[in-house]
Amino acid sequence: GAIVASSFYNLFTSFHEHISNKKLKEALSLCRVAQNEILWTCMA
């Protein structure tokens, strides 16, 4: 019955916000700064 909070993909919330708002340049900038393989794969 206990509730456990697991936070391990916070980096991607900003990315999805940019994508949903059709701000592709901002999403690309985030990928360049983060240099995260999973983030780049989502971008691809």
Full PDB file with SEQRES, HELIX, SHEET, SSBOND, CRYST1, ORIGX, SCALE, CONECT and MASTER records, all heavy atoms in Angstrom:
SEQRES   1 A   44  GLY ALA ILE VAL ALA SER SER PHE TYR ASN LEU PHE THR          
SEQRES   2 A   44  SER PHE HIS GLU HIS ILE SER ASN LYS LYS LEU LYS GLU          
SEQRES   3 A   44  ALA LEU SER LEU CYS ARG VAL ALA GLN ASN GLU ILE LEU          
SEQRES   4 A   44  TRP THR CYS MET ALA                                          
HELIX    1 AA1 LEU A   11  SER A   20  1                                  10    
HELIX    2 AA2 LEU A   24  ALA A   34  1                                  11    
HELIX    3 AA3 GLU A   37  MET A   43  1                                   7    
CRYST1    1.000    1.000    1.000  90.00  90.00  90.00 P 1           1          
ORIGX1      1.000000  0.000000  0.000000        0.00000                         
ORIGX2      0.000000  1.000000  0.000000        0.00000                         
ORIGX3      0.000000  0.000000  1.000000        0.00000                         
SCALE1      1.000000  0.000000  0.000000        0.00000                         
SCALE2      0.000000  1.000000  0.000000        0.00000                         
SCALE3      0.000000  0.000000  1.000000        0.00000                         
ATOM      1  N   GLY A   1       0.785  -1.232   0.000  1.00  0.00           N  
ATOM      2  CA  GLY A   1       0.000   0.000   0.000  1.00  0.00           C  
ATOM      3  C   GLY A   1       0.812   1.274   0.000  1.00  0.00           C  
ATOM      4  O   GLY A   1       0.258   2.357  -0.222  1.00  0.00           O  
ATOM      5  N   ALA A   2       2.102   1.194   0.272  1.00  0.00           N  
ATOM      6  CA  ALA A   2       2.949   2.382   0.309  1.00  0.00           C  
ATOM      7  C   ALA A   2       3.153   2.940  -1.097  1.00  0.00           C  
ATOM      8  O   ALA A   2       3.192   2.189  -2.077  1.00  0.00           O  
ATOM      9  CB  ALA A   2       4.299   2.050   0.935  1.00  0.00           C  
ATOM     10  N   ILE A   3       3.276   4.267  -1.216  1.00  0.00           N  
ATOM     11  CA  ILE A   3       3.499   4.944  -2.475  1.00  0.00           C  
ATOM     12  C   ILE A   3       4.977   5.295  -2.613  1.00  0.00           C  
ATOM     13  O   ILE A   3       5.569   5.884  -1.710  1.00  0.00           O  
ATOM     14  CB  ILE A   3       2.649   6.228  -2.596  1.00  0.00           C  
ATOM     15  CG1 ILE A   3       1.158   5.894  -2.507  1.00  0.00           C  
ATOM     16  CG2 ILE A   3       2.957   6.948  -3.898  1.00  0.00           C  
ATOM     17  CD1 ILE A   3       0.621   5.099  -3.665  1.00  0.00           C  
ATOM     18  N   VAL A   4       5.564   4.927  -3.722  1.00  0.00           N  
ATOM     19  CA  VAL A   4       6.970   5.221  -3.998  1.00  0.00           C  
ATOM     20  C   VAL A   4       7.043   6.137  -5.210  1.00  0.00           C  
ATOM     21  O   VAL A   4       6.451   5.842  -6.248  1.00  0.00           O  
ATOM     22  CB  VAL A   4       7.778   3.926  -4.267  1.00  0.00           C  
ATOM     23  CG1 VAL A   4       9.234   4.267  -4.590  1.00  0.00           C  
ATOM     24  CG2 VAL A   4       7.697   2.985  -3.079  1.00  0.00           C  
ATOM     25  N   ALA A   5       7.750   7.252  -5.047  1.00  0.00           N  
ATOM     26  CA  ALA A   5       7.940   8.192  -6.160  1.00  0.00           C  
ATOM     27  C   ALA A   5       9.286   7.918  -6.819  1.00  0.00           C  
ATOM     28  O   ALA A   5      10.321   7.883  -6.154  1.00  0.00           O  
ATOM     29  CB  ALA A   5       7.880   9.630  -5.656  1.00  0.00           C  
ATOM     30  N   SER A   6       9.260   7.717  -8.093  1.00  0.00           N  
ATOM     31  CA  SER A   6      10.488   7.437  -8.843  1.00  0.00           C  
ATOM     32  C   SER A   6      10.679   8.522  -9.899  1.00  0.00           C  
ATOM     33  O   SER A   6       9.869   8.674 -10.802  1.00  0.00           O  
ATOM     34  CB  SER A   6      10.402   6.057  -9.501  1.00  0.00           C  
ATOM     35  OG  SER A   6      11.618   5.728 -10.123  1.00  0.00           O  
ATOM     36  N   SER A   7      11.752   9.294  -9.739  1.00  0.00           N  
ATOM     37  CA  SER A   7      12.029  10.401 -10.652  1.00  0.00           C  
ATOM     38  C   SER A   7      13.339  10.126 -11.374  1.00  0.00           C  
ATOM     39  O   SER A   7      14.414  10.262 -10.797  1.00  0.00           O  
ATOM     40  CB  SER A   7      12.120  11.710  -9.854  1.00  0.00           C  
ATOM     41  OG  SER A   7      12.479  12.774 -10.681  1.00  0.00           O  
ATOM     42  N   PHE A   8      13.238   9.745 -12.659  1.00  0.00           N  
ATOM     43  CA  PHE A   8      14.470   9.426 -13.383  1.00  0.00           C  
ATOM     44  C   PHE A   8      14.413   9.809 -14.854  1.00  0.00           C  
ATOM     45  O   PHE A   8      15.252   9.400 -15.637  1.00  0.00           O  
ATOM     46  CB  PHE A   8      14.827   7.942 -13.231  1.00  0.00           C  
ATOM     47  CG  PHE A   8      13.814   6.977 -13.777  1.00  0.00           C  
ATOM     48  CD1 PHE A   8      14.011   6.352 -14.994  1.00  0.00           C  
ATOM     49  CD2 PHE A   8      12.663   6.690 -13.064  1.00  0.00           C  
ATOM     50  CE1 PHE A   8      13.085   5.454 -15.495  1.00  0.00           C  
ATOM     51  CE2 PHE A   8      11.732   5.782 -13.556  1.00  0.00           C  
ATOM     52  CZ  PHE A   8      11.947   5.168 -14.783  1.00  0.00           C  
ATOM     53  N   TYR A   9      13.437  10.645 -15.227  1.00  0.00           N  
ATOM     54  CA  TYR A   9      13.449  11.123 -16.613  1.00  0.00           C  
ATOM     55  C   TYR A   9      13.074  12.613 -16.679  1.00  0.00           C  
ATOM     56  O   TYR A   9      12.546  13.103 -17.667  1.00  0.00           O  
ATOM     57  CB  TYR A   9      12.533  10.276 -17.504  1.00  0.00           C  
ATOM     58  CG  TYR A   9      11.040  10.494 -17.338  1.00  0.00           C  
ATOM     59  CD1 TYR A   9      10.338  11.346 -18.192  1.00  0.00           C  
ATOM     60  CD2 TYR A   9      10.322   9.842 -16.351  1.00  0.00           C  
ATOM     61  CE1 TYR A   9       8.981  11.541 -18.055  1.00  0.00           C  
ATOM     62  CE2 TYR A   9       8.959  10.024 -16.216  1.00  0.00           C  
ATOM     63  CZ  TYR A   9       8.292  10.871 -17.070  1.00  0.00           C  
ATOM     64  OH  TYR A   9       6.934  11.064 -16.936  1.00  0.00           O  
ATOM     65  N   ASN A  10      13.424  13.365 -15.598  1.00  0.00           N  
ATOM     66  CA  ASN A  10      13.088  14.792 -15.524  1.00  0.00           C  
ATOM     67  C   ASN A  10      13.627  15.584 -16.705  1.00  0.00           C  
ATOM     68  O   ASN A  10      13.010  16.543 -17.162  1.00  0.00           O  
ATOM     69  CB  ASN A  10      13.639  15.405 -14.226  1.00  0.00           C  
ATOM     70  CG  ASN A  10      13.236  14.616 -13.005  1.00  0.00           C  
ATOM     71  OD1 ASN A  10      13.684  13.483 -12.848  1.00  0.00           O  
ATOM     72  ND2 ASN A  10      12.396  15.185 -12.159  1.00  0.00           N  
ATOM     73  N   LEU A  11      14.816  15.204 -17.175  1.00  0.00           N  
ATOM     74  CA  LEU A  11      15.449  15.916 -18.289  1.00  0.00           C  
ATOM     75  C   LEU A  11      14.543  15.982 -19.510  1.00  0.00           C  
ATOM     76  O   LEU A  11      14.589  16.948 -20.273  1.00  0.00           O  
ATOM     77  CB  LEU A  11      16.766  15.213 -18.650  1.00  0.00           C  
ATOM     78  CG  LEU A  11      17.516  15.695 -19.890  1.00  0.00           C  
ATOM     79  CD1 LEU A  11      18.034  17.106 -19.677  1.00  0.00           C  
ATOM     80  CD2 LEU A  11      18.676  14.759 -20.213  1.00  0.00           C  
ATOM     81  N   PHE A  12      13.689  14.981 -19.683  1.00  0.00           N  
ATOM     82  CA  PHE A  12      12.908  14.866 -20.904  1.00  0.00           C  
ATOM     83  C   PHE A  12      11.592  15.647 -20.857  1.00  0.00           C  
ATOM     84  O   PHE A  12      10.927  15.783 -21.875  1.00  0.00           O  
ATOM     85  CB  PHE A  12      12.629  13.393 -21.196  1.00  0.00           C  
ATOM     86  CG  PHE A  12      13.885  12.597 -21.412  1.00  0.00           C  
ATOM     87  CD1 PHE A  12      14.541  12.008 -20.352  1.00  0.00           C  
ATOM     88  CD2 PHE A  12      14.434  12.473 -22.676  1.00  0.00           C  
ATOM     89  CE1 PHE A  12      15.714  11.288 -20.542  1.00  0.00           C  
ATOM     90  CE2 PHE A  12      15.604  11.755 -22.877  1.00  0.00           C  
ATOM     91  CZ  PHE A  12      16.237  11.170 -21.805  1.00  0.00           C  
ATOM     92  N   THR A  13      11.222  16.147 -19.675  1.00  0.00           N  
ATOM     93  CA  THR A  13       9.967  16.899 -19.595  1.00  0.00           C  
ATOM     94  C   THR A  13      10.061  18.205 -20.388  1.00  0.00           C  
ATOM     95  O   THR A  13       9.123  18.587 -21.088  1.00  0.00           O  
ATOM     96  CB  THR A  13       9.599  17.191 -18.133  1.00  0.00           C  
ATOM     97  OG1 THR A  13      10.691  17.869 -17.493  1.00  0.00           O  
ATOM     98  CG2 THR A  13       9.300  15.908 -17.382  1.00  0.00           C  
ATOM     99  N   SER A  14      11.199  18.884 -20.301  1.00  0.00           N  
ATOM    100  CA  SER A  14      11.391  20.121 -21.065  1.00  0.00           C  
ATOM    101  C   SER A  14      11.411  19.824 -22.562  1.00  0.00           C  
ATOM    102  O   SER A  14      10.864  20.579 -23.378  1.00  0.00           O  
ATOM    103  CB  SER A  14      12.694  20.809 -20.654  1.00  0.00           C  
ATOM    104  OG  SER A  14      12.652  21.198 -19.302  1.00  0.00           O  
ATOM    105  N   PHE A  15      12.042  18.710 -22.915  1.00  0.00           N  
ATOM    106  CA  PHE A  15      12.109  18.316 -24.315  1.00  0.00           C  
ATOM    107  C   PHE A  15      10.706  18.108 -24.887  1.00  0.00           C  
ATOM    108  O   PHE A  15      10.370  18.625 -25.967  1.00  0.00           O  
ATOM    109  CB  PHE A  15      12.931  17.032 -24.448  1.00  0.00           C  
ATOM    110  CG  PHE A  15      12.949  16.431 -25.828  1.00  0.00           C  
ATOM    111  CD1 PHE A  15      13.744  16.968 -26.829  1.00  0.00           C  
ATOM    112  CD2 PHE A  15      12.162  15.326 -26.131  1.00  0.00           C  
ATOM    113  CE1 PHE A  15      13.762  16.423 -28.104  1.00  0.00           C  
ATOM    114  CE2 PHE A  15      12.171  14.775 -27.399  1.00  0.00           C  
ATOM    115  CZ  PHE A  15      12.974  15.325 -28.384  1.00  0.00           C  
ATOM    116  N   HIS A  16       9.868  17.365 -24.164  1.00  0.00           N  
ATOM    117  CA  HIS A  16       8.506  17.102 -24.636  1.00  0.00           C  
ATOM    118  C   HIS A  16       7.682  18.388 -24.668  1.00  0.00           C  
ATOM    119  O   HIS A  16       6.812  18.544 -25.533  1.00  0.00           O  
ATOM    120  CB  HIS A  16       7.837  16.062 -23.747  1.00  0.00           C  
ATOM    121  CG  HIS A  16       8.251  14.663 -24.051  1.00  0.00           C  
ATOM    122  ND1 HIS A  16       7.835  13.989 -25.176  1.00  0.00           N  
ATOM    123  CD2 HIS A  16       9.061  13.799 -23.383  1.00  0.00           C  
ATOM    124  CE1 HIS A  16       8.362  12.776 -25.191  1.00  0.00           C  
ATOM    125  NE2 HIS A  16       9.118  12.647 -24.116  1.00  0.00           N  
ATOM    126  N   GLU A  17       7.959  19.306 -23.754  1.00  0.00           N  
ATOM    127  CA  GLU A  17       7.249  20.582 -23.757  1.00  0.00           C  
ATOM    128  C   GLU A  17       7.574  21.375 -25.021  1.00  0.00           C  
ATOM    129  O   GLU A  17       6.687  21.948 -25.659  1.00  0.00           O  
ATOM    130  CB  GLU A  17       7.623  21.383 -22.515  1.00  0.00           C  
ATOM    131  CG  GLU A  17       6.862  22.698 -22.391  1.00  0.00           C  
ATOM    132  CD  GLU A  17       7.214  23.450 -21.125  1.00  0.00           C  
ATOM    133  OE1 GLU A  17       7.902  22.869 -20.255  1.00  0.00           O  
ATOM    134  OE2 GLU A  17       6.808  24.621 -21.014  1.00  0.00           O  
ATOM    135  N   HIS A  18       8.858  21.392 -25.396  1.00  0.00           N  
ATOM    136  CA  HIS A  18       9.258  22.083 -26.622  1.00  0.00           C  
ATOM    137  C   HIS A  18       8.616  21.438 -27.850  1.00  0.00           C  
ATOM    138  O   HIS A  18       8.129  22.136 -28.747  1.00  0.00           O  
ATOM    139  CB  HIS A  18      10.782  22.053 -26.772  1.00  0.00           C  
ATOM    140  CG  HIS A  18      11.516  22.886 -25.775  1.00  0.00           C  
ATOM    141  ND1 HIS A  18      11.058  24.121 -25.361  1.00  0.00           N  
ATOM    142  CD2 HIS A  18      12.685  22.667 -25.095  1.00  0.00           C  
ATOM    143  CE1 HIS A  18      11.901  24.633 -24.483  1.00  0.00           C  
ATOM    144  NE2 HIS A  18      12.890  23.771 -24.313  1.00  0.00           N  
ATOM    145  N   ILE A  19       8.615  20.108 -27.880  1.00  0.00           N  
ATOM    146  CA  ILE A  19       8.048  19.393 -29.033  1.00  0.00           C  
ATOM    147  C   ILE A  19       6.554  19.650 -29.148  1.00  0.00           C  
ATOM    148  O   ILE A  19       6.028  19.915 -30.241  1.00  0.00           O  
ATOM    149  CB  ILE A  19       8.331  17.881 -28.931  1.00  0.00           C  
ATOM    150  CG1 ILE A  19       9.830  17.592 -29.065  1.00  0.00           C  
ATOM    151  CG2 ILE A  19       7.550  17.116 -29.992  1.00  0.00           C  
ATOM    152  CD1 ILE A  19      10.435  17.977 -30.391  1.00  0.00           C  
ATOM    153  N   SER A  20       5.842  19.584 -28.031  1.00  0.00           N  
ATOM    154  CA  SER A  20       4.387  19.783 -28.064  1.00  0.00           C  
ATOM    155  C   SER A  20       4.026  21.208 -28.470  1.00  0.00           C  
ATOM    156  O   SER A  20       2.966  21.451 -29.057  1.00  0.00           O  
ATOM    157  CB  SER A  20       3.765  19.452 -26.698  1.00  0.00           C  
ATOM    158  OG  SER A  20       4.284  20.309 -25.696  1.00  0.00           O  
ATOM    159  N   ASN A  21       4.924  22.167 -28.184  1.00  0.00           N  
ATOM    160  CA  ASN A  21       4.695  23.565 -28.565  1.00  0.00           C  
ATOM    161  C   ASN A  21       5.296  23.900 -29.929  1.00  0.00           C  
ATOM    162  O   ASN A  21       5.355  25.078 -30.308  1.00  0.00           O  
ATOM    163  CB  ASN A  21       5.283  24.500 -27.508  1.00  0.00           C  
ATOM    164  CG  ASN A  21       4.529  24.432 -26.190  1.00  0.00           C  
ATOM    165  OD1 ASN A  21       3.312  24.231 -26.177  1.00  0.00           O  
ATOM    166  ND2 ASN A  21       5.234  24.576 -25.080  1.00  0.00           N  
ATOM    167  N   LYS A  22       5.761  22.849 -30.627  1.00  0.00           N  
ATOM    168  CA  LYS A  22       6.351  22.999 -31.977  1.00  0.00           C  
ATOM    169  C   LYS A  22       7.567  23.932 -31.982  1.00  0.00           C  
ATOM    170  O   LYS A  22       7.787  24.709 -32.922  1.00  0.00           O  
ATOM    171  CB  LYS A  22       5.296  23.492 -32.976  1.00  0.00           C  
ATOM    172  CG  LYS A  22       4.088  22.566 -33.092  1.00  0.00           C  
ATOM    173  CD  LYS A  22       3.154  22.991 -34.192  1.00  0.00           C  
ATOM    174  CE  LYS A  22       1.906  22.107 -34.238  1.00  0.00           C  
ATOM    175  NZ  LYS A  22       2.219  20.681 -34.412  1.00  0.00           N  
ATOM    176  N   LYS A  23       8.355  23.855 -30.916  1.00  0.00           N  
ATOM    177  CA  LYS A  23       9.587  24.646 -30.822  1.00  0.00           C  
ATOM    178  C   LYS A  23      10.776  23.716 -31.072  1.00  0.00           C  
ATOM    179  O   LYS A  23      11.484  23.304 -30.152  1.00  0.00           O  
ATOM    180  CB  LYS A  23       9.694  25.298 -29.453  1.00  0.00           C  
ATOM    181  CG  LYS A  23       8.603  26.335 -29.175  1.00  0.00           C  
ATOM    182  CD  LYS A  23       8.765  26.964 -27.805  1.00  0.00           C  
ATOM    183  CE  LYS A  23       7.717  28.031 -27.551  1.00  0.00           C  
ATOM    184  NZ  LYS A  23       7.862  28.656 -26.202  1.00  0.00           N  
ATOM    185  N   LEU A  24      10.961  23.415 -32.352  1.00  0.00           N  
ATOM    186  CA  LEU A  24      11.997  22.450 -32.725  1.00  0.00           C  
ATOM    187  C   LEU A  24      13.395  22.974 -32.426  1.00  0.00           C  
ATOM    188  O   LEU A  24      14.268  22.218 -31.982  1.00  0.00           O  
ATOM    189  CB  LEU A  24      11.868  22.106 -34.207  1.00  0.00           C  
ATOM    190  CG  LEU A  24      12.750  20.971 -34.717  1.00  0.00           C  
ATOM    191  CD1 LEU A  24      12.386  19.655 -34.039  1.00  0.00           C  
ATOM    192  CD2 LEU A  24      12.635  20.829 -36.228  1.00  0.00           C  
ATOM    193  N   LYS A  25      13.631  24.260 -32.656  1.00  0.00           N  
ATOM    194  CA  LYS A  25      14.957  24.830 -32.406  1.00  0.00           C  
ATOM    195  C   LYS A  25      15.331  24.725 -30.930  1.00  0.00           C  
ATOM    196  O   LYS A  25      16.481  24.405 -30.586  1.00  0.00           O  
ATOM    197  CB  LYS A  25      14.994  26.299 -32.845  1.00  0.00           C  
ATOM    198  CG  LYS A  25      14.929  26.494 -34.351  1.00  0.00           C  
ATOM    199  CD  LYS A  25      15.042  27.960 -34.720  1.00  0.00           C  
ATOM    200  CE  LYS A  25      15.013  28.159 -36.230  1.00  0.00           C  
ATOM    201  NZ  LYS A  25      15.090  29.601 -36.598  1.00  0.00           N  
ATOM    202  N   GLU A  26      14.365  24.985 -30.050  1.00  0.00           N  
ATOM    203  CA  GLU A  26      14.628  24.885 -28.612  1.00  0.00           C  
ATOM    204  C   GLU A  26      14.906  23.439 -28.207  1.00  0.00           C  
ATOM    205  O   GLU A  26      15.782  23.171 -27.369  1.00  0.00           O  
ATOM    206  CB  GLU A  26      13.452  25.436 -27.817  1.00  0.00           C  
ATOM    207  CG  GLU A  26      13.311  26.943 -27.839  1.00  0.00           C  
ATOM    208  CD  GLU A  26      12.674  27.471 -29.124  1.00  0.00           C  
ATOM    209  OE1 GLU A  26      12.389  26.657 -30.037  1.00  0.00           O  
ATOM    210  OE2 GLU A  26      12.464  28.692 -29.212  1.00  0.00           O  
ATOM    211  N   ALA A  27      14.157  22.500 -28.819  1.00  0.00           N  
ATOM    212  CA  ALA A  27      14.377  21.080 -28.523  1.00  0.00           C  
ATOM    213  C   ALA A  27      15.767  20.648 -28.973  1.00  0.00           C  
ATOM    214  O   ALA A  27      16.468  19.909 -28.271  1.00  0.00           O  
ATOM    215  CB  ALA A  27      13.305  20.225 -29.203  1.00  0.00           C  
ATOM    216  N   LEU A  28      16.182  21.124 -30.141  1.00  0.00           N  
ATOM    217  CA  LEU A  28      17.527  20.815 -30.635  1.00  0.00           C  
ATOM    218  C   LEU A  28      18.600  21.405 -29.726  1.00  0.00           C  
ATOM    219  O   LEU A  28      19.614  20.757 -29.441  1.00  0.00           O  
ATOM    220  CB  LEU A  28      17.692  21.342 -32.059  1.00  0.00           C  
ATOM    221  CG  LEU A  28      17.211  20.440 -33.195  1.00  0.00           C  
ATOM    222  CD1 LEU A  28      17.252  21.184 -34.520  1.00  0.00           C  
ATOM    223  CD2 LEU A  28      18.048  19.170 -33.281  1.00  0.00           C  
ATOM    224  N   SER A  29      18.384  22.627 -29.265  1.00  0.00           N  
ATOM    225  CA  SER A  29      19.349  23.270 -28.364  1.00  0.00           C  
ATOM    226  C   SER A  29      19.508  22.471 -27.078  1.00  0.00           C  
ATOM    227  O   SER A  29      20.624  22.298 -26.566  1.00  0.00           O  
ATOM    228  CB  SER A  29      18.904  24.700 -28.048  1.00  0.00           C  
ATOM    229  OG  SER A  29      18.880  25.502 -29.206  1.00  0.00           O  
ATOM    230  N   LEU A  30      18.389  21.967 -26.557  1.00  0.00           N  
ATOM    231  CA  LEU A  30      18.440  21.149 -25.340  1.00  0.00           C  
ATOM    232  C   LEU A  30      19.243  19.875 -25.582  1.00  0.00           C  
ATOM    233  O   LEU A  30      20.046  19.465 -24.739  1.00  0.00           O  
ATOM    234  CB  LEU A  30      17.018  20.808 -24.889  1.00  0.00           C  
ATOM    235  CG  LEU A  30      16.884  19.914 -23.653  1.00  0.00           C  
ATOM    236  CD1 LEU A  30      17.504  20.594 -22.433  1.00  0.00           C  
ATOM    237  CD2 LEU A  30      15.419  19.589 -23.372  1.00  0.00           C  
ATOM    238  N   CYS A  31      19.044  19.249 -26.745  1.00  0.00           N  
ATOM    239  CA  CYS A  31      19.800  18.043 -27.081  1.00  0.00           C  
ATOM    240  C   CYS A  31      21.301  18.329 -27.160  1.00  0.00           C  
ATOM    241  O   CYS A  31      22.130  17.541 -26.685  1.00  0.00           O  
ATOM    242  CB  CYS A  31      19.324  17.479 -28.422  1.00  0.00           C  
ATOM    243  SG  CYS A  31      17.664  16.762 -28.417  1.00  0.00           S  
ATOM    244  N   ARG A  32      21.653  19.467 -27.747  1.00  0.00           N  
ATOM    245  CA  ARG A  32      23.070  19.825 -27.878  1.00  0.00           C  
ATOM    246  C   ARG A  32      23.723  20.058 -26.528  1.00  0.00           C  
ATOM    247  O   ARG A  32      24.885  19.700 -26.316  1.00  0.00           O  
ATOM    248  CB  ARG A  32      23.202  21.079 -28.749  1.00  0.00           C  
ATOM    249  CG  ARG A  32      22.836  20.859 -30.216  1.00  0.00           C  
ATOM    250  CD  ARG A  32      22.653  22.181 -30.935  1.00  0.00           C  
ATOM    251  NE  ARG A  32      22.155  21.995 -32.295  1.00  0.00           N  
ATOM    252  CZ  ARG A  32      21.421  22.903 -32.943  1.00  0.00           C  
ATOM    253  NH1 ARG A  32      21.125  24.053 -32.355  1.00  0.00           N  
ATOM    254  NH2 ARG A  32      21.003  22.650 -34.178  1.00  0.00           N  
ATOM    255  N   VAL A  33      22.979  20.662 -25.611  1.00  0.00           N  
ATOM    256  CA  VAL A  33      23.527  20.933 -24.275  1.00  0.00           C  
ATOM    257  C   VAL A  33      23.635  19.646 -23.460  1.00  0.00           C  
ATOM    258  O   VAL A  33      24.657  19.378 -22.820  1.00  0.00           O  
ATOM    259  CB  VAL A  33      22.646  21.962 -23.533  1.00  0.00           C  
ATOM    260  CG1 VAL A  33      23.094  22.094 -22.083  1.00  0.00           C  
ATOM    261  CG2 VAL A  33      22.708  23.318 -24.226  1.00  0.00           C  
ATOM    262  N   ALA A  34      22.569  18.825 -23.495  1.00  0.00           N  
ATOM    263  CA  ALA A  34      22.532  17.611 -22.663  1.00  0.00           C  
ATOM    264  C   ALA A  34      23.458  16.524 -23.185  1.00  0.00           C  
ATOM    265  O   ALA A  34      24.050  15.767 -22.404  1.00  0.00           O  
ATOM    266  CB  ALA A  34      21.102  17.079 -22.596  1.00  0.00           C  
ATOM    267  N   GLN A  35      23.596  16.418 -24.514  1.00  0.00           N  
ATOM    268  CA  GLN A  35      24.402  15.368 -25.132  1.00  0.00           C  
ATOM    269  C   GLN A  35      24.054  13.989 -24.544  1.00  0.00           C  
ATOM    270  O   GLN A  35      24.919  13.226 -24.129  1.00  0.00           O  
ATOM    271  CB  GLN A  35      25.891  15.663 -24.973  1.00  0.00           C  
ATOM    272  CG  GLN A  35      26.399  16.796 -25.835  1.00  0.00           C  
ATOM    273  CD  GLN A  35      26.177  16.544 -27.340  1.00  0.00           C  
ATOM    274  OE1 GLN A  35      26.438  15.448 -27.843  1.00  0.00           O  
ATOM    275  NE2 GLN A  35      25.692  17.552 -28.037  1.00  0.00           N  
ATOM    276  N   ASN A  36      22.740  13.712 -24.541  1.00  0.00           N  
ATOM    277  CA  ASN A  36      22.222  12.454 -24.015  1.00  0.00           C  
ATOM    278  C   ASN A  36      21.754  11.591 -25.183  1.00  0.00           C  
ATOM    279  O   ASN A  36      20.971  12.040 -26.030  1.00  0.00           O  
ATOM    280  CB  ASN A  36      21.066  12.731 -23.047  1.00  0.00           C  
ATOM    281  CG  ASN A  36      20.496  11.485 -22.436  1.00  0.00           C  
ATOM    282  OD1 ASN A  36      19.773  10.746 -23.085  1.00  0.00           O  
ATOM    283  ND2 ASN A  36      20.818  11.237 -21.178  1.00  0.00           N  
ATOM    284  N   GLU A  37      22.234  10.339 -25.251  1.00  0.00           N  
ATOM    285  CA  GLU A  37      21.932   9.479 -26.392  1.00  0.00           C  
ATOM    286  C   GLU A  37      20.443   9.214 -26.535  1.00  0.00           C  
ATOM    287  O   GLU A  37      19.904   9.218 -27.653  1.00  0.00           O  
ATOM    288  CB  GLU A  37      22.686   8.153 -26.261  1.00  0.00           C  
ATOM    289  CG  GLU A  37      22.483   7.239 -27.457  1.00  0.00           C  
ATOM    290  CD  GLU A  37      23.205   5.903 -27.313  1.00  0.00           C  
ATOM    291  OE1 GLU A  37      23.495   5.506 -26.169  1.00  0.00           O  
ATOM    292  OE2 GLU A  37      23.460   5.257 -28.338  1.00  0.00           O  
ATOM    293  N   ILE A  38      19.751   8.982 -25.429  1.00  0.00           N  
ATOM    294  CA  ILE A  38      18.313   8.695 -25.491  1.00  0.00           C  
ATOM    295  C   ILE A  38      17.560   9.922 -25.999  1.00  0.00           C  
ATOM    296  O   ILE A  38      16.643   9.819 -26.812  1.00  0.00           O  
ATOM    297  CB  ILE A  38      17.784   8.251 -24.115  1.00  0.00           C  
ATOM    298  CG1 ILE A  38      18.467   6.961 -23.670  1.00  0.00           C  
ATOM    299  CG2 ILE A  38      16.274   8.069 -24.146  1.00  0.00           C  
ATOM    300  CD1 ILE A  38      18.088   6.503 -22.284  1.00  0.00           C  
ATOM    301  N   LEU A  39      17.966  11.105 -25.520  1.00  0.00           N  
ATOM    302  CA  LEU A  39      17.320  12.345 -25.953  1.00  0.00           C  
ATOM    303  C   LEU A  39      17.533  12.570 -27.453  1.00  0.00           C  
ATOM    304  O   LEU A  39      16.594  12.913 -28.178  1.00  0.00           O  
ATOM    305  CB  LEU A  39      17.898  13.513 -25.160  1.00  0.00           C  
ATOM    306  CG  LEU A  39      17.119  14.831 -25.208  1.00  0.00           C  
ATOM    307  CD1 LEU A  39      15.748  14.653 -24.594  1.00  0.00           C  
ATOM    308  CD2 LEU A  39      17.884  15.927 -24.480  1.00  0.00           C  
ATOM    309  N   TRP A  40      18.757  12.337 -27.923  1.00  0.00           N  
ATOM    310  CA  TRP A  40      19.040  12.489 -29.349  1.00  0.00           C  
ATOM    311  C   TRP A  40      18.240  11.473 -30.176  1.00  0.00           C  
ATOM    312  O   TRP A  40      17.779  11.783 -31.277  1.00  0.00           O  
ATOM    313  CB  TRP A  40      20.531  12.305 -29.622  1.00  0.00           C  
ATOM    314  CG  TRP A  40      21.360  13.537 -29.487  1.00  0.00           C  
ATOM    315  CD1 TRP A  40      22.402  13.750 -28.642  1.00  0.00           C  
ATOM    316  CD2 TRP A  40      21.243  14.743 -30.266  1.00  0.00           C  
ATOM    317  NE1 TRP A  40      22.944  15.006 -28.830  1.00  0.00           N  
ATOM    318  CE2 TRP A  40      22.256  15.635 -29.827  1.00  0.00           C  
ATOM    319  CE3 TRP A  40      20.396  15.155 -31.292  1.00  0.00           C  
ATOM    320  CZ2 TRP A  40      22.429  16.905 -30.372  1.00  0.00           C  
ATOM    321  CZ3 TRP A  40      20.562  16.425 -31.829  1.00  0.00           C  
ATOM    322  CH2 TRP A  40      21.565  17.283 -31.375  1.00  0.00           C  
ATOM    323  N   THR A  41      18.082  10.258 -29.655  1.00  0.00           N  
ATOM    324  CA  THR A  41      17.319   9.233 -30.393  1.00  0.00           C  
ATOM    325  C   THR A  41      15.854   9.639 -30.516  1.00  0.00           C  
ATOM    326  O   THR A  41      15.235   9.465 -31.569  1.00  0.00           O  
ATOM    327  CB  THR A  41      17.436   7.876 -29.693  1.00  0.00           C  
ATOM    328  OG1 THR A  41      18.813   7.527 -29.527  1.00  0.00           O  
ATOM    329  CG2 THR A  41      16.759   6.789 -30.511  1.00  0.00           C  
ATOM    330  N   CYS A  42      15.294  10.190 -29.434  1.00  0.00           N  
ATOM    331  CA  CYS A  42      13.920  10.697 -29.500  1.00  0.00           C  
ATOM    332  C   CYS A  42      13.806  11.819 -30.524  1.00  0.00           C  
ATOM    333  O   CYS A  42      12.837  11.883 -31.292  1.00  0.00           O  
ATOM    334  CB  CYS A  42      13.486  11.207 -28.130  1.00  0.00           C  
ATOM    335  SG  CYS A  42      13.268   9.938 -26.875  1.00  0.00           S  
ATOM    336  N   MET A  43      14.813  12.686 -30.553  1.00  0.00           N  
ATOM    337  CA  MET A  43      14.829  13.782 -31.524  1.00  0.00           C  
ATOM    338  C   MET A  43      14.861  13.243 -32.943  1.00  0.00           C  
ATOM    339  O   MET A  43      14.156  13.738 -33.836  1.00  0.00           O  
ATOM    340  CB  MET A  43      16.053  14.657 -31.269  1.00  0.00           C  
ATOM    341  CG  MET A  43      16.137  15.904 -32.143  1.00  0.00           C  
ATOM    342  SD  MET A  43      15.013  17.226 -31.647  1.00  0.00           S  
ATOM    343  CE  MET A  43      13.728  17.082 -32.877  1.00  0.00           C  
ATOM    344  N   ALA A  44      15.675  12.202 -33.174  1.00  0.00           N  
ATOM    345  CA  ALA A  44      15.774  11.595 -34.498  1.00  0.00           C  
ATOM    346  C   ALA A  44      14.426  11.027 -34.946  1.00  0.00           C  
ATOM    347  O   ALA A  44      13.990  11.232 -36.088  1.00  0.00           O  
ATOM    348  CB  ALA A  44      16.840  10.502 -34.494  1.00  0.00           C  
TER     349      ALA A  44                                                      
MASTER        0    0    0    3    0    0    0    6  348    1    0    4          
END                                                                             
